[in-house]
C-alpha atoms as a PDB file:
ATOM      1  CA  MET A   1       0.000   0.000   0.000  1.00  0.00           C
ATOM      2  CA  ALA A   2       1.433   3.370  -0.994  1.00  0.00           C
ATOM      3  CA  GLN A   3       2.181   5.844   1.756  1.00  0.00           C
ATOM      4  CA  SER A   4       0.014   8.935   1.898  1.00  0.00           C
ATOM      5  CA  LYS A   5       1.716  12.157   0.894  1.00  0.00           C
ATOM      6  CA  ALA A   6       2.885  14.377   3.756  1.00  0.00           C
ATOM      7  CA  PRO A   7       1.034  17.684   4.213  1.00  0.00           C
ATOM      8  CA  PRO A   8       2.655  20.537   2.263  1.00  0.00           C
ATOM      9  CA  PHE A   9       2.905  22.736   5.373  1.00  0.00           C
ATOM     10  CA  THR A  10       4.826  22.417   8.629  1.00  0.00           C
ATOM     11  CA  LEU A  11       4.005  24.627  11.597  1.00  0.00           C
ATOM     12  CA  TYR A  12       6.767  25.178  14.130  1.00  0.00           C
ATOM     13  CA  GLU A  13       5.059  26.235  17.322  1.00  0.00           C
ATOM     14  CA  TYR A  14       4.794  26.382  21.087  1.00  0.00           C
ATOM     15  CA  ARG A  15       1.177  25.401  21.664  1.00  0.00           C
ATOM     16  CA  PRO A  16       0.377  27.716  24.624  1.00  0.00           C
ATOM     17  CA  SER A  17       1.536  30.805  22.715  1.00  0.00           C
ATOM     18  CA  PRO A  18      -1.430  32.961  21.625  1.00  0.00           C
ATOM     19  CA  PHE A  19       0.372  33.786  18.395  1.00  0.00           C
ATOM     20  CA  CYS A  20       0.762  30.097  17.590  1.00  0.00           C
ATOM     21  CA  VAL A  21      -2.918  29.625  18.448  1.00  0.00           C
ATOM     22  CA  ALA A  22      -3.779  32.307  15.888  1.00  0.00           C
ATOM     23  CA  ILE A  23      -1.909  30.464  13.136  1.00  0.00           C
ATOM     24  CA  ARG A  24      -3.607  27.183  14.036  1.00  0.00           C
ATOM     25  CA  ILE A  25      -6.963  28.944  13.739  1.00  0.00           C
ATOM     26  CA  ALA A  26      -5.963  30.383  10.354  1.00  0.00           C
ATOM     27  CA  LEU A  27      -4.878  26.993   9.010  1.00  0.00           C
ATOM     28  CA  LYS A  28      -8.217  25.531  10.073  1.00  0.00           C
ATOM     29  CA  GLU A  29     -10.114  28.447   8.510  1.00  0.00           C
ATOM     30  CA  ALA A  30      -8.379  27.731   5.200  1.00  0.00           C
ATOM     31  CA  GLN A  31      -8.807  23.953   5.696  1.00  0.00           C
ATOM     32  CA  ILE A  32      -5.085  23.375   5.285  1.00  0.00           C
ATOM     33  CA  GLU A  33      -3.481  20.143   6.381  1.00  0.00           C
ATOM     34  CA  PHE A  34      -0.214  20.687   8.212  1.00  0.00           C
ATOM     35  CA  THR A  35       2.387  18.898  10.287  1.00  0.00           C
ATOM     36  CA  PRO A  36       2.804  20.421  13.765  1.00  0.00           C
ATOM     37  CA  ARG A  37       6.315  20.589  15.190  1.00  0.00           C
ATOM     38  CA  GLU A  38       6.497  21.551  18.856  1.00  0.00           C
ATOM     39  CA  VAL A  39       9.633  23.543  19.708  1.00  0.00           C
ATOM     40  CA  ASP A  40      11.096  23.104  23.188  1.00  0.00           C
ATOM     41  CA  LEU A  41      11.670  26.609  24.511  1.00  0.00           C
ATOM     42  CA  LYS A  42      14.230  25.336  27.020  1.00  0.00           C
ATOM     43  CA  LYS A  43      16.566  24.052  24.316  1.00  0.00           C
ATOM     44  CA  PRO A  44      18.776  26.108  21.984  1.00  0.00           C
ATOM     45  CA  ARG A  45      17.369  26.636  18.518  1.00  0.00           C
ATOM     46  CA  THR A  46      18.946  24.412  15.891  1.00  0.00           C
ATOM     47  CA  ALA A  47      20.729  25.824  12.848  1.00  0.00           C
ATOM     48  CA  ALA A  48      18.037  24.297  10.644  1.00  0.00           C
ATOM     49  CA  PHE A  49      15.295  26.092  12.560  1.00  0.00           C
ATOM     50  CA  LEU A  50      17.161  29.409  12.511  1.00  0.00           C
ATOM     51  CA  LYS A  51      17.246  29.221   8.721  1.00  0.00           C
ATOM     52  CA  ARG A  52      13.453  29.253   8.853  1.00  0.00           C
ATOM     53  CA  SER A  53      13.075  31.787  11.658  1.00  0.00           C
ATOM     54  CA  PRO A  54      16.291  33.849  11.931  1.00  0.00           C
ATOM     55  CA  PHE A  55      15.489  35.279  15.383  1.00  0.00           C
ATOM     56  CA  GLY A  56      14.352  31.933  16.763  1.00  0.00           C
ATOM     57  CA  ARG A  57      10.813  33.183  17.291  1.00  0.00           C
ATOM     58  CA  LEU A  58       7.577  31.240  17.040  1.00  0.00           C
ATOM     59  CA  PRO A  59       5.448  30.552  15.151  1.00  0.00           C
ATOM     60  CA  ALA A  60       7.165  29.742  11.869  1.00  0.00           C
ATOM     61  CA  LEU A  61       5.386  28.233   8.886  1.00  0.00           C
ATOM     62  CA  VAL A  62       7.071  26.304   6.102  1.00  0.00           C
ATOM     63  CA  GLU A  63       5.484  25.458   2.768  1.00  0.00           C
ATOM     64  CA  HIS A  64       7.204  22.530   1.082  1.00  0.00           C
ATOM     65  CA  ARG A  65       7.272  23.380  -2.617  1.00  0.00           C
ATOM     66  CA  PRO A  66       8.794  21.418  -5.528  1.00  0.00           C
ATOM     67  CA  SER A  67      11.316  24.235  -5.902  1.00  0.00           C
ATOM     68  CA  GLY A  68      12.240  24.139  -2.215  1.00  0.00           C
ATOM     69  CA  GLU A  69      11.033  25.413   1.154  1.00  0.00           C
ATOM     70  CA  LEU A  70       9.279  28.721   1.623  1.00  0.00           C
ATOM     71  CA  ALA A  71       9.620  29.756   5.272  1.00  0.00           C
ATOM     72  CA  ILE A  72       7.563  32.578   6.805  1.00  0.00           C
ATOM     73  CA  PHE A  73       8.061  33.908  10.328  1.00  0.00           C
ATOM     74  CA  GLU A  74       6.191  36.459  12.471  1.00  0.00           C
ATOM     75  CA  SER A  75       2.478  35.821  12.976  1.00  0.00           C
ATOM     76  CA  SER A  76       1.230  38.852  11.013  1.00  0.00           C
ATOM     77  CA  ALA A  77       3.379  37.926   8.014  1.00  0.00           C
ATOM     78  CA  ILE A  78       2.158  34.322   8.166  1.00  0.00           C
ATOM     79  CA  LEU A  79      -1.473  35.445   8.280  1.00  0.00           C
ATOM     80  CA  SER A  80      -0.942  37.822   5.358  1.00  0.00           C
ATOM     81  CA  PHE A  81       0.737  35.036   3.379  1.00  0.00           C
ATOM     82  CA  LEU A  82      -2.119  32.616   4.043  1.00  0.00           C
ATOM     83  CA  SER A  83      -4.646  35.251   3.001  1.00  0.00           C
ATOM     84  CA  ASP A  84      -2.866  35.741  -0.335  1.00  0.00           C
ATOM     85  CA  ARG A  85      -2.129  32.046  -0.785  1.00  0.00           C
ATOM     86  CA  PHE A  86      -5.736  30.955  -0.218  1.00  0.00           C
ATOM     87  CA  PRO A  87      -7.845  33.874  -1.512  1.00  0.00           C
ATOM     88  CA  ASN A  88     -11.030  31.795  -1.766  1.00  0.00           C
ATOM     89  CA  SER A  89     -10.960  30.855   1.906  1.00  0.00           C
ATOM     90  CA  SER A  90     -12.390  32.923   4.760  1.00  0.00           C
ATOM     91  CA  LEU A  91      -8.908  34.448   5.095  1.00  0.00           C
ATOM     92  CA  GLY A  92      -8.989  36.030   1.645  1.00  0.00           C
ATOM     93  CA  PHE A  93     -10.105  39.550   0.784  1.00  0.00           C
ATOM     94  CA  PRO A  94     -12.619  40.240  -2.010  1.00  0.00           C
ATOM     95  CA  ASP A  95     -10.983  43.471  -3.163  1.00  0.00           C
ATOM     96  CA  THR A  96      -8.187  45.956  -2.514  1.00  0.00           C
ATOM     97  CA  PRO A  97     -10.170  48.264  -0.176  1.00  0.00           C
ATOM     98  CA  SER A  98     -11.182  45.300   1.985  1.00  0.00           C
ATOM     99  CA  ARG A  99      -7.588  44.111   2.115  1.00  0.00           C
ATOM    100  CA  ALA A 100      -6.339  47.571   3.072  1.00  0.00           C
ATOM    101  CA  GLU A 101      -8.853  47.805   5.904  1.00  0.00           C
ATOM    102  CA  GLY A 102      -8.160  44.272   7.098  1.00  0.00           C
ATOM    103  CA  MET A 103      -4.405  44.807   7.084  1.00  0.00           C
ATOM    104  CA  SER A 104      -4.812  48.062   9.003  1.00  0.00           C
ATOM    105  CA  TRP A 105      -6.712  46.268  11.756  1.00  0.00           C
ATOM    106  CA  LEU A 106      -4.273  43.350  11.689  1.00  0.00           C
ATOM    107  CA  THR A 107      -1.414  45.793  12.307  1.00  0.00           C
ATOM    108  CA  PHE A 108      -3.300  47.403  15.197  1.00  0.00           C
ATOM    109  CA  ILE A 109      -4.081  44.047  16.825  1.00  0.00           C
ATOM    110  CA  SER A 110      -0.445  42.987  16.514  1.00  0.00           C
ATOM    111  CA  ASN A 111       1.312  46.228  17.467  1.00  0.00           C
ATOM    112  CA  GLY A 112      -1.315  47.882  19.665  1.00  0.00           C
ATOM    113  CA  LEU A 113      -3.819  45.649  21.421  1.00  0.00           C
ATOM    114  CA  ALA A 114      -1.573  42.608  21.783  1.00  0.00           C
ATOM    115  CA  GLU A 115       1.325  44.648  23.159  1.00  0.00           C
ATOM    116  CA  ASN A 116      -0.848  46.274  25.825  1.00  0.00           C
ATOM    117  CA  VAL A 117      -2.491  42.983  26.793  1.00  0.00           C
ATOM    118  CA  TRP A 118       0.919  41.316  27.005  1.00  0.00           C
ATOM    119  CA  SER A 119       2.322  44.159  29.106  1.00  0.00           C
ATOM    120  CA  LEU A 120      -0.572  43.986  31.563  1.00  0.00           C
ATOM    121  CA  LEU A 121      -0.421  40.202  31.702  1.00  0.00           C
ATOM    122  CA  ASN A 122       3.255  40.386  32.644  1.00  0.00           C
ATOM    123  CA  GLU A 123       2.587  42.953  35.368  1.00  0.00           C
ATOM    124  CA  ARG A 124      -0.234  40.946  36.922  1.00  0.00           C
ATOM    125  CA  ASN A 125       0.744  37.323  36.380  1.00  0.00           C
ATOM    126  CA  VAL A 126       4.404  36.995  35.423  1.00  0.00           C
ATOM    127  CA  TYR A 127       6.635  39.554  37.114  1.00  0.00           C
ATOM    128  CA  GLN A 128       7.909  39.023  40.631  1.00  0.00           C
ATOM    129  CA  ASP A 129       6.906  41.630  43.226  1.00  0.00           C
ATOM    130  CA  GLU A 130      10.212  43.464  42.932  1.00  0.00           C
ATOM    131  CA  GLU A 131       9.787  43.696  39.152  1.00  0.00           C
ATOM    132  CA  LYS A 132       6.248  45.078  39.192  1.00  0.00           C
ATOM    133  CA  SER A 133       5.411  48.722  38.594  1.00  0.00           C
ATOM    134  CA  GLU A 134       2.082  50.214  39.633  1.00  0.00           C
ATOM    135  CA  VAL A 135       2.686  53.098  37.244  1.00  0.00           C
ATOM    136  CA  SER A 136       3.234  50.721  34.306  1.00  0.00           C
ATOM    137  CA  GLU A 137       0.170  48.689  35.259  1.00  0.00           C
ATOM    138  CA  ARG A 138      -2.079  51.759  35.458  1.00  0.00           C
ATOM    139  CA  ARG A 139      -0.715  53.008  32.148  1.00  0.00           C
ATOM    140  CA  SER A 140      -1.386  49.658  30.461  1.00  0.00           C
ATOM    141  CA  ILE A 141      -4.928  49.500  31.870  1.00  0.00           C
ATOM    142  CA  ALA A 142      -5.743  53.045  30.744  1.00  0.00           C
ATOM    143  CA  GLU A 143      -4.427  52.456  27.224  1.00  0.00           C
ATOM    144  CA  LEU A 144      -6.137  49.087  26.965  1.00  0.00           C
ATOM    145  CA  GLU A 145      -9.477  50.570  28.023  1.00  0.00           C
ATOM    146  CA  ARG A 146      -9.046  53.346  25.456  1.00  0.00           C
ATOM    147  CA  GLN A 147      -8.392  50.783  22.741  1.00  0.00           C
ATOM    148  CA  LEU A 148     -11.392  48.718  23.800  1.00  0.00           C
ATOM    149  CA  ARG A 149     -13.630  51.791  23.634  1.00  0.00           C
ATOM    150  CA  VAL A 150     -12.472  52.447  20.073  1.00  0.00           C
ATOM    151  CA  LEU A 151     -13.078  48.813  19.144  1.00  0.00           C
ATOM    152  CA  ASP A 152     -16.519  48.842  20.766  1.00  0.00           C
ATOM    153  CA  LYS A 153     -17.518  51.893  18.750  1.00  0.00           C
ATOM    154  CA  HIS A 154     -16.080  50.422  15.548  1.00  0.00           C
ATOM    155  CA  LEU A 155     -18.050  47.188  15.998  1.00  0.00           C
ATOM    156  CA  ALA A 156     -21.389  48.974  16.366  1.00  0.00           C
ATOM    157  CA  ARG A 157     -22.515  48.148  12.821  1.00  0.00           C
ATOM    158  CA  ARG A 158     -20.335  45.219  11.851  1.00  0.00           C
ATOM    159  CA  ALA A 159     -19.821  41.669  12.983  1.00  0.00           C
ATOM    160  CA  PHE A 160     -16.057  41.634  12.403  1.00  0.00           C
ATOM    161  CA  LEU A 161     -13.266  44.185  12.129  1.00  0.00           C
ATOM    162  CA  SER A 162     -13.401  44.735   8.368  1.00  0.00           C
ATOM    163  CA  GLY A 163     -17.025  43.693   7.856  1.00  0.00           C
ATOM    164  CA  ALA A 164     -16.529  40.066   6.885  1.00  0.00           C
ATOM    165  CA  TYR A 165     -14.283  37.768   8.897  1.00  0.00           C
ATOM    166  CA  SER A 166     -10.592  38.354   8.136  1.00  0.00           C
ATOM    167  CA  ILE A 167      -7.084  37.618   9.351  1.00  0.00           C
ATOM    168  CA  ALA A 168      -7.376  40.598  11.699  1.00  0.00           C
ATOM    169  CA  ASP A 169     -10.097  38.721  13.572  1.00  0.00           C
ATOM    170  CA  THR A 170      -7.962  35.574  13.470  1.00  0.00           C
ATOM    171  CA  LEU A 171      -5.141  37.251  15.387  1.00  0.00           C
ATOM    172  CA  ALA A 172      -7.584  39.010  17.707  1.00  0.00           C
ATOM    173  CA  THR A 173      -9.185  35.734  18.834  1.00  0.00           C
ATOM    174  CA  PRO A 174      -6.451  34.493  21.219  1.00  0.00           C
ATOM    175  CA  VAL A 175      -5.498  38.048  22.211  1.00  0.00           C
ATOM    176  CA  LEU A 176      -9.051  38.650  23.446  1.00  0.00           C
ATOM    177  CA  ASP A 177      -8.861  35.385  25.384  1.00  0.00           C
ATOM    178  CA  LEU A 178      -5.920  36.803  27.329  1.00  0.00           C
ATOM    179  CA  LEU A 179      -8.155  39.557  28.701  1.00  0.00           C
ATOM    180  CA  GLU A 180      -9.572  37.025  31.149  1.00  0.00           C
ATOM    181  CA  LEU A 181      -6.088  36.307  32.494  1.00  0.00           C
ATOM    182  CA  CYS A 182      -5.604  40.067  32.838  1.00  0.00           C
ATOM    183  CA  GLU A 183      -8.881  40.254  34.798  1.00  0.00           C
ATOM    184  CA  ILE A 184     -10.365  42.736  32.341  1.00  0.00           C
ATOM    185  CA  ASP A 185     -14.168  42.812  32.545  1.00  0.00           C
ATOM    186  CA  LEU A 186     -15.817  43.404  29.159  1.00  0.00           C
ATOM    187  CA  ALA A 187     -19.147  44.477  30.678  1.00  0.00           C
ATOM    188  CA  SER A 188     -18.376  48.065  29.673  1.00  0.00           C
ATOM    189  CA  PHE A 189     -17.611  46.942  26.121  1.00  0.00           C
ATOM    190  CA  PRO A 190     -20.674  44.903  25.062  1.00  0.00           C
ATOM    191  CA  ARG A 191     -19.889  44.906  21.340  1.00  0.00           C
ATOM    192  CA  VAL A 192     -16.358  43.656  21.957  1.00  0.00           C
ATOM    193  CA  ARG A 193     -17.814  40.953  24.205  1.00  0.00           C
ATOM    194  CA  SER A 194     -20.279  39.905  21.466  1.00  0.00           C
ATOM    195  CA  TRP A 195     -17.463  39.911  18.896  1.00  0.00           C
ATOM    196  CA  ARG A 196     -15.363  37.670  21.115  1.00  0.00           C
ATOM    197  CA  LYS A 197     -18.345  35.314  21.456  1.00  0.00           C
ATOM    198  CA  ARG A 198     -18.730  35.114  17.665  1.00  0.00           C
ATOM    199  CA  LEU A 199     -15.030  34.335  17.290  1.00  0.00           C
ATOM    200  CA  ARG A 200     -15.220  31.571  19.881  1.00  0.00           C
ATOM    201  CA  GLU A 201     -18.208  30.009  18.130  1.00  0.00           C
ATOM    202  CA  ARG A 202     -16.307  29.426  14.892  1.00  0.00           C
ATOM    203  CA  GLU A 203     -15.386  25.833  14.091  1.00  0.00           C
ATOM    204  CA  SER A 204     -11.745  26.845  13.717  1.00  0.00           C
ATOM    205  CA  TYR A 205     -11.616  27.819  17.399  1.00  0.00           C
ATOM    206  CA  ARG A 206     -12.337  24.308  18.615  1.00  0.00           C
ATOM    207  CA  ASP A 207      -9.231  22.793  20.274  1.00  0.00           C
ATOM    208  CA  ALA A 208      -7.096  25.754  19.165  1.00  0.00           C
ATOM    209  CA  TRP A 209      -5.721  26.138  22.672  1.00  0.00           C
ATOM    210  CA  PRO A 210      -3.871  23.114  24.060  1.00  0.00           C
ATOM    211  CA  SER A 211      -5.410  21.109  26.876  1.00  0.00           C
ATOM    212  CA  ASP A 212      -3.614  20.651  30.178  1.00  0.00           C
ATOM    213  CA  ASP A 213      -2.545  17.190  29.031  1.00  0.00           C
ATOM    214  CA  ASP A 214      -0.977  18.658  25.887  1.00  0.00           C
ATOM    215  CA  ILE A 215       1.409  20.904  27.797  1.00  0.00           C
ATOM    216  CA  LYS A 216       2.489  18.586  30.599  1.00  0.00           C
END
């Protein structure tokens, strides 16, 4: 019996990372088969991996082409690649204006919302007492609440960030999940809360986060 052909994509990841979760969601949205490769964060990166992700960061996605490997690193770049590579999937954009809007929101989620969530998460759940700064925490909370107010207003007449579901929503999905770890109550942001609910109801969200057994 002939062996089945290996999937054309390999995802190098650390399952609990929200950015790796986003890429898993994207691959499911586009119905792409892939081989997962868990990277041990405690071990030095191999030379082979550093050829695919020069800074040793995760996730990294490799497409195995007849002409050789195509390696993409950084979550926003991977999402943009998948959108262009699979334009007929839910990740694709119907036209240039839609793509411009979607990419604008993707950049904000990556460089704005995610950075503030990550900063607050570190202050509240990661840093030791001597490393914590009340000033930094208050600043992160104030900026995060400002961003959530803008998002809540933006979502008043649309289900997703650029109208239809896009890669901006893909990246936002695990970032919004982190708000619970930051103890941010979305009661004051009902449209953001409804948006998060819609994202969690998508089939691609199922099993995106690893279970406790997966990370033991």
